[in-house]
C-alpha atoms as a PDB file:
ATOM      1  CA  MET A   1     -75.745  83.154 -18.752  1.00  0.00           C
ATOM      2  CA  LYS A   2     -74.197  81.170 -15.880  1.00  0.00           C
ATOM      3  CA  GLN A   3     -70.865  82.862 -16.508  1.00  0.00           C
ATOM      4  CA  TYR A   4     -72.438  86.194 -15.470  1.00  0.00           C
ATOM      5  CA  ARG A   5     -74.213  84.965 -12.324  1.00  0.00           C
ATOM      6  CA  TYR A   6     -73.865  87.351  -9.397  1.00  0.00           C
ATOM      7  CA  GLU A   7     -71.381  86.386  -6.670  1.00  0.00           C
ATOM      8  CA  ASN A   8     -71.420  87.866  -3.172  1.00  0.00           C
ATOM      9  CA  GLY A   9     -68.867  85.665  -1.395  1.00  0.00           C
ATOM     10  CA  LEU A  10     -70.697  85.841   1.959  1.00  0.00           C
ATOM     11  CA  SER A  11     -70.888  82.681   4.043  1.00  0.00           C
ATOM     12  CA  ARG A  12     -74.000  80.664   4.751  1.00  0.00           C
ATOM     13  CA  LYS A  13     -73.554  81.513   8.449  1.00  0.00           C
ATOM     14  CA  ASN A  14     -73.643  85.216   7.538  1.00  0.00           C
ATOM     15  CA  ARG A  15     -76.864  84.792   5.569  1.00  0.00           C
ATOM     16  CA  VAL A  16     -78.533  82.817   8.384  1.00  0.00           C
ATOM     17  CA  SER A  17     -77.415  85.380  10.976  1.00  0.00           C
ATOM     18  CA  ARG A  18     -78.805  88.224   8.864  1.00  0.00           C
ATOM     19  CA  ALA A  19     -82.114  86.364   8.499  1.00  0.00           C
ATOM     20  CA  LEU A  20     -82.352  85.948  12.286  1.00  0.00           C
ATOM     21  CA  TRP A  21     -81.454  89.596  12.795  1.00  0.00           C
ATOM     22  CA  GLY A  22     -84.095  90.578  10.223  1.00  0.00           C
ATOM     23  CA  VAL A  23     -86.786  88.784  12.206  1.00  0.00           C
ATOM     24  CA  ALA A  24     -85.587  90.307  15.496  1.00  0.00           C
ATOM     25  CA  TYR A  25     -85.470  93.753  13.868  1.00  0.00           C
ATOM     26  CA  ILE A  26     -89.067  93.501  12.623  1.00  0.00           C
ATOM     27  CA  ILE A  27     -90.507  92.077  15.846  1.00  0.00           C
ATOM     28  CA  PHE A  28     -88.403  93.599  18.643  1.00  0.00           C
ATOM     29  CA  PHE A  29     -86.446  96.617  17.329  1.00  0.00           C
ATOM     30  CA  ARG A  30     -88.518  98.506  14.767  1.00  0.00           C
ATOM     31  CA  PRO A  31     -91.865  98.692  16.659  1.00  0.00           C
ATOM     32  CA  THR A  32     -90.376 100.289  19.787  1.00  0.00           C
ATOM     33  CA  PRO A  33     -91.411 103.877  20.583  1.00  0.00           C
ATOM     34  CA  ARG A  34     -89.089 106.551  19.249  1.00  0.00           C
ATOM     35  CA  TRP A  35     -88.293 108.505  22.426  1.00  0.00           C
ATOM     36  CA  ILE A  36     -87.919 105.609  24.836  1.00  0.00           C
ATOM     37  CA  PHE A  37     -86.416 102.129  24.761  1.00  0.00           C
ATOM     38  CA  ASP A  38     -82.981 103.317  23.602  1.00  0.00           C
ATOM     39  CA  GLY A  39     -81.535 100.941  26.187  1.00  0.00           C
ATOM     40  CA  TRP A  40     -83.629  98.079  24.828  1.00  0.00           C
ATOM     41  CA  ARG A  41     -82.480  98.706  21.252  1.00  0.00           C
ATOM     42  CA  ALA A  42     -78.838  98.861  22.414  1.00  0.00           C
ATOM     43  CA  PHE A  43     -79.348  95.623  24.370  1.00  0.00           C
ATOM     44  CA  LEU A  44     -80.823  93.911  21.317  1.00  0.00           C
ATOM     45  CA  LEU A  45     -77.959  95.063  19.081  1.00  0.00           C
ATOM     46  CA  ARG A  46     -75.460  93.794  21.664  1.00  0.00           C
ATOM     47  CA  ARG A  47     -77.201  90.403  21.671  1.00  0.00           C
ATOM     48  CA  PHE A  48     -76.429  90.278  17.936  1.00  0.00           C
ATOM     49  CA  GLY A  49     -72.760  91.143  18.460  1.00  0.00           C
ATOM     50  CA  ALA A  50     -72.637  94.954  18.296  1.00  0.00           C
ATOM     51  CA  THR A  51     -70.403  96.916  20.641  1.00  0.00           C
ATOM     52  CA  ILE A  52     -72.451  99.829  21.994  1.00  0.00           C
ATOM     53  CA  GLY A  53     -71.166 102.469  24.434  1.00  0.00           C
ATOM     54  CA  THR A  54     -73.197 104.240  27.095  1.00  0.00           C
ATOM     55  CA  GLY A  55     -75.835 106.872  26.397  1.00  0.00           C
ATOM     56  CA  CYS A  56     -76.363 105.994  22.721  1.00  0.00           C
ATOM     57  CA  ARG A  57     -79.641 106.949  21.038  1.00  0.00           C
ATOM     58  CA  ILE A  58     -80.557 104.767  18.090  1.00  0.00           C
ATOM     59  CA  ASN A  59     -83.811 105.558  16.335  1.00  0.00           C
ATOM     60  CA  PRO A  60     -86.029 102.503  15.747  1.00  0.00           C
ATOM     61  CA  THR A  61     -86.229 103.290  12.018  1.00  0.00           C
ATOM     62  CA  ALA A  62     -82.446 103.040  11.597  1.00  0.00           C
ATOM     63  CA  ARG A  63     -81.446 100.040   9.485  1.00  0.00           C
ATOM     64  CA  ILE A  64     -78.417  98.035  10.573  1.00  0.00           C
ATOM     65  CA  TRP A  65     -77.382  95.369   8.056  1.00  0.00           C
ATOM     66  CA  ALA A  66     -75.170  93.282  10.372  1.00  0.00           C
ATOM     67  CA  PRO A  67     -75.008  94.347  14.038  1.00  0.00           C
ATOM     68  CA  TRP A  68     -71.913  92.187  14.626  1.00  0.00           C
ATOM     69  CA  ASN A  69     -70.006  94.611  12.369  1.00  0.00           C
ATOM     70  CA  LEU A  70     -71.035  97.713  14.348  1.00  0.00           C
ATOM     71  CA  THR A  71     -69.092  99.526  17.076  1.00  0.00           C
ATOM     72  CA  LEU A  72     -70.430 102.689  18.728  1.00  0.00           C
ATOM     73  CA  GLY A  73     -68.600 104.823  21.282  1.00  0.00           C
ATOM     74  CA  ASP A  74     -70.432 106.713  24.035  1.00  0.00           C
ATOM     75  CA  PHE A  75     -73.289 109.150  23.391  1.00  0.00           C
ATOM     76  CA  VAL A  76     -73.641 108.381  19.683  1.00  0.00           C
ATOM     77  CA  ALA A  77     -76.898 109.590  18.090  1.00  0.00           C
ATOM     78  CA  ILE A  78     -78.331 107.773  15.078  1.00  0.00           C
ATOM     79  CA  ALA A  79     -81.419 109.503  13.670  1.00  0.00           C
ATOM     80  CA  GLU A  80     -84.455 108.201  11.843  1.00  0.00           C
ATOM     81  CA  GLY A  81     -83.981 106.417   8.538  1.00  0.00           C
ATOM     82  CA  VAL A  82     -80.190 106.110   8.860  1.00  0.00           C
ATOM     83  CA  ASP A  83     -78.852 103.145   6.860  1.00  0.00           C
ATOM     84  CA  LEU A  84     -75.773 101.462   8.336  1.00  0.00           C
ATOM     85  CA  TYR A  85     -74.858  99.040   5.553  1.00  0.00           C
ATOM     86  CA  SER A  86     -72.353  97.135   7.669  1.00  0.00           C
ATOM     87  CA  VAL A  87     -71.163  94.387   5.325  1.00  0.00           C
ATOM     88  CA  ALA A  88     -67.722  95.356   6.688  1.00  0.00           C
ATOM     89  CA  ARG A  89     -67.076  96.983  10.070  1.00  0.00           C
ATOM     90  CA  ILE A  90     -68.529 100.401  10.865  1.00  0.00           C
ATOM     91  CA  SER A  91     -66.832 102.081  13.850  1.00  0.00           C
ATOM     92  CA  ILE A  92     -68.357 105.291  15.181  1.00  0.00           C
ATOM     93  CA  GLY A  93     -66.553 107.363  17.813  1.00  0.00           C
ATOM     94  CA  SER A  94     -68.051 108.963  20.896  1.00  0.00           C
ATOM     95  CA  LYS A  95     -70.310 112.022  20.654  1.00  0.00           C
ATOM     96  CA  THR A  96     -70.850 111.541  16.928  1.00  0.00           C
ATOM     97  CA  THR A  97     -74.194 112.304  15.270  1.00  0.00           C
ATOM     98  CA  ILE A  98     -75.596 110.703  12.141  1.00  0.00           C
ATOM     99  CA  SER A  99     -78.597 112.681  10.941  1.00  0.00           C
ATOM    100  CA  GLN A 100     -81.793 111.668   9.158  1.00  0.00           C
ATOM    101  CA  ARG A 101     -81.542 109.237   6.219  1.00  0.00           C
ATOM    102  CA  ALA A 102     -77.734 109.329   6.049  1.00  0.00           C
ATOM    103  CA  PHE A 103     -76.162 106.284   4.396  1.00  0.00           C
ATOM    104  CA  ILE A 104     -72.949 104.758   5.754  1.00  0.00           C
ATOM    105  CA  CYS A 105     -71.942 102.252   3.072  1.00  0.00           C
ATOM    106  CA  THR A 106     -69.230  99.600   3.456  1.00  0.00           C
ATOM    107  CA  ALA A 107     -69.906  97.609   0.285  1.00  0.00           C
ATOM    108  CA  SER A 108     -70.417  97.886  -3.449  1.00  0.00           C
ATOM    109  CA  HIS A 109     -69.819  95.756  -6.525  1.00  0.00           C
ATOM    110  CA  ASP A 110     -66.813  95.416  -8.773  1.00  0.00           C
ATOM    111  CA  ILE A 111     -68.067  96.948 -12.015  1.00  0.00           C
ATOM    112  CA  THR A 112     -65.024  95.676 -13.940  1.00  0.00           C
ATOM    113  CA  ASP A 113     -66.265  92.086 -13.573  1.00  0.00           C
ATOM    114  CA  LEU A 114     -69.516  90.987 -15.240  1.00  0.00           C
ATOM    115  CA  LYS A 115     -70.233  88.711 -12.263  1.00  0.00           C
ATOM    116  CA  ARG A 116     -70.405  91.884 -10.130  1.00  0.00           C
ATOM    117  CA  PRO A 117     -68.698  90.409  -7.042  1.00  0.00           C
ATOM    118  CA  LEU A 118     -69.345  92.140  -3.763  1.00  0.00           C
ATOM    119  CA  ILE A 119     -66.413  94.243  -2.562  1.00  0.00           C
ATOM    120  CA  TYR A 120     -66.267  95.852   0.841  1.00  0.00           C
ATOM    121  CA  ALA A 121     -64.127  97.976   3.140  1.00  0.00           C
ATOM    122  CA  PRO A 122     -64.687  99.331   6.662  1.00  0.00           C
ATOM    123  CA  VAL A 123     -65.851 102.853   7.483  1.00  0.00           C
ATOM    124  CA  ILE A 124     -64.494 104.663  10.527  1.00  0.00           C
ATOM    125  CA  LEU A 125     -66.042 107.813  11.983  1.00  0.00           C
ATOM    126  CA  GLY A 126     -64.015 109.586  14.666  1.00  0.00           C
ATOM    127  CA  GLN A 127     -65.258 111.443  17.722  1.00  0.00           C
ATOM    128  CA  HIS A 128     -67.455 114.563  17.484  1.00  0.00           C
ATOM    129  CA  VAL A 129     -68.184 113.865  13.800  1.00  0.00           C
ATOM    130  CA  TRP A 130     -71.451 115.059  12.306  1.00  0.00           C
ATOM    131  CA  VAL A 131     -72.826 113.300   9.231  1.00  0.00           C
ATOM    132  CA  ALA A 132     -75.716 115.565   8.215  1.00  0.00           C
ATOM    133  CA  ALA A 133     -79.064 114.583   6.687  1.00  0.00           C
ATOM    134  CA  GLU A 134     -78.996 112.325   3.620  1.00  0.00           C
ATOM    135  CA  ALA A 135     -75.197 112.376   3.325  1.00  0.00           C
ATOM    136  CA  MET A 136     -73.409 109.273   2.041  1.00  0.00           C
ATOM    137  CA  ILE A 137     -70.068 107.896   3.224  1.00  0.00           C
ATOM    138  CA  HIS A 138     -68.345 105.527   0.759  1.00  0.00           C
ATOM    139  CA  PRO A 139     -66.631 102.225   1.645  1.00  0.00           C
ATOM    140  CA  GLY A 140     -63.123 102.549   3.051  1.00  0.00           C
ATOM    141  CA  VAL A 141     -63.472 106.164   4.220  1.00  0.00           C
ATOM    142  CA  SER A 142     -62.110 107.254   7.607  1.00  0.00           C
ATOM    143  CA  VAL A 143     -63.679 110.470   8.872  1.00  0.00           C
ATOM    144  CA  SER A 144     -61.320 112.244  11.287  1.00  0.00           C
ATOM    145  CA  ASP A 145     -62.384 113.678  14.650  1.00  0.00           C
ATOM    146  CA  GLY A 146     -64.613 116.732  14.479  1.00  0.00           C
ATOM    147  CA  ALA A 147     -65.238 116.628  10.729  1.00  0.00           C
ATOM    148  CA  VAL A 148     -68.658 117.588   9.337  1.00  0.00           C
ATOM    149  CA  VAL A 149     -70.171 116.057   6.200  1.00  0.00           C
ATOM    150  CA  ALA A 150     -72.869 118.478   5.027  1.00  0.00           C
ATOM    151  CA  ALA A 151     -76.416 117.472   4.090  1.00  0.00           C
ATOM    152  CA  ARG A 152     -76.724 115.402   0.906  1.00  0.00           C
ATOM    153  CA  SER A 153     -72.971 115.295   0.400  1.00  0.00           C
ATOM    154  CA  VAL A 154     -71.164 112.227  -0.956  1.00  0.00           C
ATOM    155  CA  LEU A 155     -67.864 111.646   0.821  1.00  0.00           C
ATOM    156  CA  ARG A 156     -65.401 109.473  -1.103  1.00  0.00           C
ATOM    157  CA  LYS A 157     -62.114 110.345   0.619  1.00  0.00           C
ATOM    158  CA  ASP A 158     -60.769 110.864   4.129  1.00  0.00           C
ATOM    159  CA  PRO A 159     -61.337 114.403   5.460  1.00  0.00           C
ATOM    160  CA  GLU A 160     -58.887 116.162   7.755  1.00  0.00           C
ATOM    161  CA  PRO A 161     -59.864 116.692  11.420  1.00  0.00           C
ATOM    162  CA  TRP A 162     -62.227 119.568  12.236  1.00  0.00           C
ATOM    163  CA  THR A 163     -63.071 120.392   8.621  1.00  0.00           C
ATOM    164  CA  ILE A 164     -66.382 120.811   6.774  1.00  0.00           C
ATOM    165  CA  TRP A 165     -67.095 118.917   3.538  1.00  0.00           C
ATOM    166  CA  ALA A 166     -69.992 119.533   1.157  1.00  0.00           C
ATOM    167  CA  GLY A 167     -71.181 118.570  -2.327  1.00  0.00           C
ATOM    168  CA  ASN A 168     -71.100 115.589  -4.665  1.00  0.00           C
ATOM    169  CA  PRO A 169     -68.357 114.602  -4.603  1.00  0.00           C
ATOM    170  CA  ALA A 170     -67.736 116.286  -1.255  1.00  0.00           C
ATOM    171  CA  LYS A 171     -65.044 118.948  -1.218  1.00  0.00           C
ATOM    172  CA  LEU A 172     -63.433 120.864   1.613  1.00  0.00           C
ATOM    173  CA  VAL A 173     -65.442 124.056   2.211  1.00  0.00           C
ATOM    174  CA  GLY A 174     -64.011 125.263   5.505  1.00  0.00           C
ATOM    175  CA  ALA A 175     -62.719 124.650   8.977  1.00  0.00           C
ATOM    176  CA  ARG A 176     -65.051 123.755  11.825  1.00  0.00           C
ATOM    177  CA  GLN A 177     -64.688 126.326  14.581  1.00  0.00           C
ATOM    178  CA  VAL A 178     -66.073 125.242  17.950  1.00  0.00           C
ATOM    179  CA  SER A 179     -66.261 127.008  21.269  1.00  0.00           C
ATOM    180  CA  ASP A 180     -66.748 125.516  24.715  1.00  0.00           C
ATOM    181  CA  ASN A 181     -68.247 128.816  25.869  1.00  0.00           C
ATOM    182  CA  ALA A 182     -70.896 129.267  23.160  1.00  0.00           C
ATOM    183  CA  PRO A 183     -73.837 131.418  24.343  1.00  0.00           C
ATOM    184  CA  ALA A 184     -76.874 129.529  25.595  1.00  0.00           C
ATOM    185  CA  MET A 185     -79.949 129.460  23.347  1.00  0.00           C
ATOM    186  CA  ASN A 186     -83.505 129.712  24.566  1.00  0.00           C
ATOM    187  CA  GLY A 187     -86.248 127.373  23.306  1.00  0.00           C
ATOM    188  CA  ASN A 188     -86.806 129.601  20.240  1.00  0.00           C
ATOM    189  CA  GLY A 189     -83.230 129.347  18.963  1.00  0.00           C
ATOM    190  CA  ILE A 190     -82.411 132.902  20.116  1.00  0.00           C
ATOM    191  CA  LYS A 191     -79.261 133.664  22.111  1.00  0.00           C
ATOM    192  CA  ASP A 192     -79.896 134.442  25.762  1.00  0.00           C
ATOM    193  CA  GLY A 193     -78.417 137.578  27.282  1.00  0.00           C
END
């Protein structure tokens, strides 16, 4: 049975750092109120090596595996229950939104080896990207600026800029059309004027 023992290849320093982060997450990050303390959560992530831009909103229920492998641009929104499995680097561009319970995954296991060694690759999300609720981004994927990954989609390849991807596996379903002069909406979601 020893010949099939799981191997992850991560250093002792990595394991100790993750244990310390786990304690800090439970005591100082997770219990903070949802609508305030965004600055505190960003500060705490920075203390653990993350690079966080200005104006970021990170929900206290978001799970970050290794903050030192996380880079956020400005005005990034990370919703409740998002899982940033940052075994490898996760880079998220400015004005990008990651919706509820989305999973950004940088690691898996080599299924061709019975020891199941951990394999990993970075994930890059450009600017103005929207990863919708419960979508999954696979290791090694680079999501171009403006792309949308629809709810519950599984993205396994790099999408073109300003496109919309949906399904499992995600497929191109259209172009994302945006307008700087979109009509204003009132509080009920109805166009004004």
